[in-house]
Amino acid sequence: MEAPGGPANGVRGRNAKSGRDVCKSPAQLPKFEWVNKYRRAIRDQGAAKQARTPLAATLTTTSQHKKTGKSLRTDKKGSSEEEQSSCSGVEQLRSQSSPESQDRASSESWDGLVRSSSHTPSDKAQMLSMPHFGLRDNLIRCELLKNEDLYTYLEDFSFFLGTYNVNGQTPKENLRPWLACTHSPPDMYCVGFQELDLSKEAFIFNDTPKELEWLKAVSEGLHPDAKYALVKLVRLVGIMLLFYVKKEHAEFISEVEAETVGTGIMGRMGNKGAVAIRFRFHNSDICVVNSHLAAHIEEYERRNQDYKDICSRLQFRHLEPTQPPLTIMKHSVVLWLGDLNYRISELAVDHVKDLIIKKEFETLYNYDQLKRQIDEEAVFVGFVEGAIVFQPTYKYDTGSDKWDTSEKCRVPAWCDRILWRGKNIRQLHYNSHMTLKTSDHKPVSSLVEIGIKMVNEEAYKKTFEEIVRSIDKMENECIPSVTLSKPEFHFKDVKFMQHQAETLTLCNDGKVPCQFEFIQKLDEPTYCKPWLTANPPKGFITQGGSVDIDLEVFVNRSTAPDLNSGRQQIEDILVLHLERGKDYFISVSGNYLPSCYGASIHTLCRLREPIQDMPQKVIRELTEMTEEEEGAIITEEPLEIPKEIWMMVDHLFHKAIKQEDLFQQPGLRTEFEEIRDCLDTGMPDSLPGSNHSVAEALLLFLDALPEPVVPYSVYQQCLDCCSDASQCKKVISMLPLCHKNVFNYLAAFLRELLKNSANNRLDVSILATIFAALLLRSRTKQDLAEKRKTQEFFQHFLVQDLS
């Protein structure tokens, strides 16, 4: 499939000069002259700083630290992942018939439990997450944490952990053989599902009636010898996590938060990813993660990448504003369950089945991909998994105990796993449940006993009072100070969507603890440029202590256009402020390598050479030039479409037209970086990487366009005429020529894909969903109705040839 503007127009050629000459580091660092104005303003405020209230005078009374009971209600939390969460009581769920009355009664049940709770000494110790702390409060909080062993003791509680990939099925069996398999009722239930709904509607709109069906089935399947309350439900497409607690423990549950992260195509789609719930039980912080990682036996590296993405991107808000968001690993106990999708490799299917018949699970386990990746410390470092003494849980013929008899005849594997991380955890059982036959997976359960930190009231009171007395003895005139590991940081050869980080170490060399924060500069909305992040941006350092701050540079679709054109540079000054102390200035600089990612269609059609072979002055002139100015100055005919789009589409047309799950399965990040470099430098001549990586690279390219293929100016017009095919065609015919060529070229390619749907499993609905969101973008967040209209608009170009 040869595109207009393809090899015939000479776009595959390469100039001999190197992009390195264009992108050299500047001879001298920028002067940042605006800082002089800022320094003058700081000096003007100096007297006010010296007159601030002394440290000892800021004592907050103990009564102000009391924790308020937090009522949890059924809610739907809007986020980029479209998380859904709700809370209800199990008894009400069993008795109510309608969803509306169920939600109302459930919420009232949980609120009642919270309101009836009494404040305990452990509430005081939970100052770790109290809002609105000053320096003194943070010092008390830090000292309480440091001396926690003096006023806490351990008490064991049982947690039932369950995971079940239900393959899009509805509940057909009673779940008690799985959920009530323990002799005594557990104190907590953490139950995870994957593939709750495989329909396109669930994938596209994150809405499914199966959530309520499986919620009801679980509630009815819990251990009959105890009463439970549903504390939290969180779902991302087909990944759902339910958290139940015995009603007598409900008053000791606090700080409940839920988050989701999608790791599907473009790192956003929720067909793969994780949901998580974190909470505090008595004085212990616990995080529960339910994940569904990438499929297919050969994709273990993609699974490793999914795990790392989940760990880095899934963050819970911290109730204490001076603290950064809580990541998964910041909790003292982490419970991780789900369909991790790691397979058994290097053994033939018949050999695997023979070992299973002989129950030689230990031998088989040596070929388990997850075991090997953990042994290599590639994933789940610090986690523990109990001994596996049950046969693989995947893949069975639905409704039976027979191994997969389909044409693919998949090798049996332990896809469904449960691991934990933390101290004072003991596993009591780890089993699969063969009696349940609803899915092609078998459910798995684990019962773990966790030593939870309880507070001794008298010991806590004594420790708290001693800490307050010691703080009172501090001299008020002591001014905080720190030393910086270095004041300047330079990031070399920054690239689009390629993370770079350097570590700034702060050492408290003063006589008192200090509280630091990066503050906004004059006339700027945030403390740093959008491509830069300081993690953590604020915090607390004890006397003689230190903290490492990661200065991270990451250029995405919003920051790439100005960096490509040279309107912005990798230059910034961070102002580090110490409470009651002075300010420190940290210089950040670097050089950005221009990329076709974040460049406009119009500019790329004027570039016959790779973008890194062009002087940035030329790129900027092309970016800012109007069509009239361009016509008067440039005589050479532009390419009909950008050569970068042609290279990716041409690759996919010749090598991936029958590729299963194209545009639905993510590629590898390392391969994307190789593809980006190839497009930006012209080397090598052909694109590297797998078909899935090239497909994702194309989607990321379209997503990064500063002006979408269908310009913002005609977006509303597209919505208005979405039901009229002839009007849709008319709108496209009036687009700027290069935009119209790209739209028609992509639509023609997608129609070719649909001719091979029997092999690639694509259909009009899937392609319209994926591409309409990229080609017809809105400047503001789209609502559900707008999404449906853009998909309807684009479908006209897939179901019939309008060219």
Foldseek 3Di string as FASTA:
>chain_A
DFAFLAVVVPLLDFDPDFLCVQFDDDPDDDPPVCVVVQVVVVVVCVVVLVPDDFPLVPDDDLVVQADAQDQAAQDFDDDLLRKGKGWFFLVLLQVDDDPVVRRVHGSVVLRVLRVPFDTDLLRSLVLVFAADDDQVSVLLNVLCVVCVVLFKDWDKFKEKEKEEALQQFFDDDQCQVPAVVDPDFGFKYKYKYACLHPDPCCQQVVDDPRVSRVVSSVSRNHHPVFTKTWGMWIDRSGIIITMIGGSVQSNQKDPKDKDWWACWFVRRGNNWTKIKIWIAGSNFTEIEIEGAFFADAVCVVRLLVRQVCQQPPTWACGSYVQAHTHGQVVGQKYKYWYQSHWFQDPDDQVVLVVCVVVQVVVVSVVRTPVVVCVVVVSDDPQKDFDDDRHFAFDFADAPDLHQDPDPVRDRGGNRTGIIMHHPQKDKPDWAWRSVDRSHRGTMIMIMMMHTHIHGRRVSSVVSSVVSSVVVSPDDRVWAWDWDKPDQEAEDEADEAQDKDKDKIKIFTATPFKWKKAWAPGPPDDGQKPPQWDWVPRIDIAGHRGMDIIIIMGHHALVRQQCLLLVVDFQWDWIWMDINSHHIGIHIYHYTYQRFLQLQAFQLLQADSHASSVDNSNSSNCSRPDDPVRCVVPDDDDGRQTRNLLSQLLVCCLVPPLLPACAVTGAFDPVLLVQQRVCRRNSPPSHRDGDNRHSSSNNLSSLQSHPAHLLGQVCLVVLLVCLQPLVSLVVSLVPDPRSSSSVLLVVLVSVLSSCVNCVRHVDDLQVVLLSVLCRRRDHPDDDDPSSSVSSSSSSSSSNPDPPD
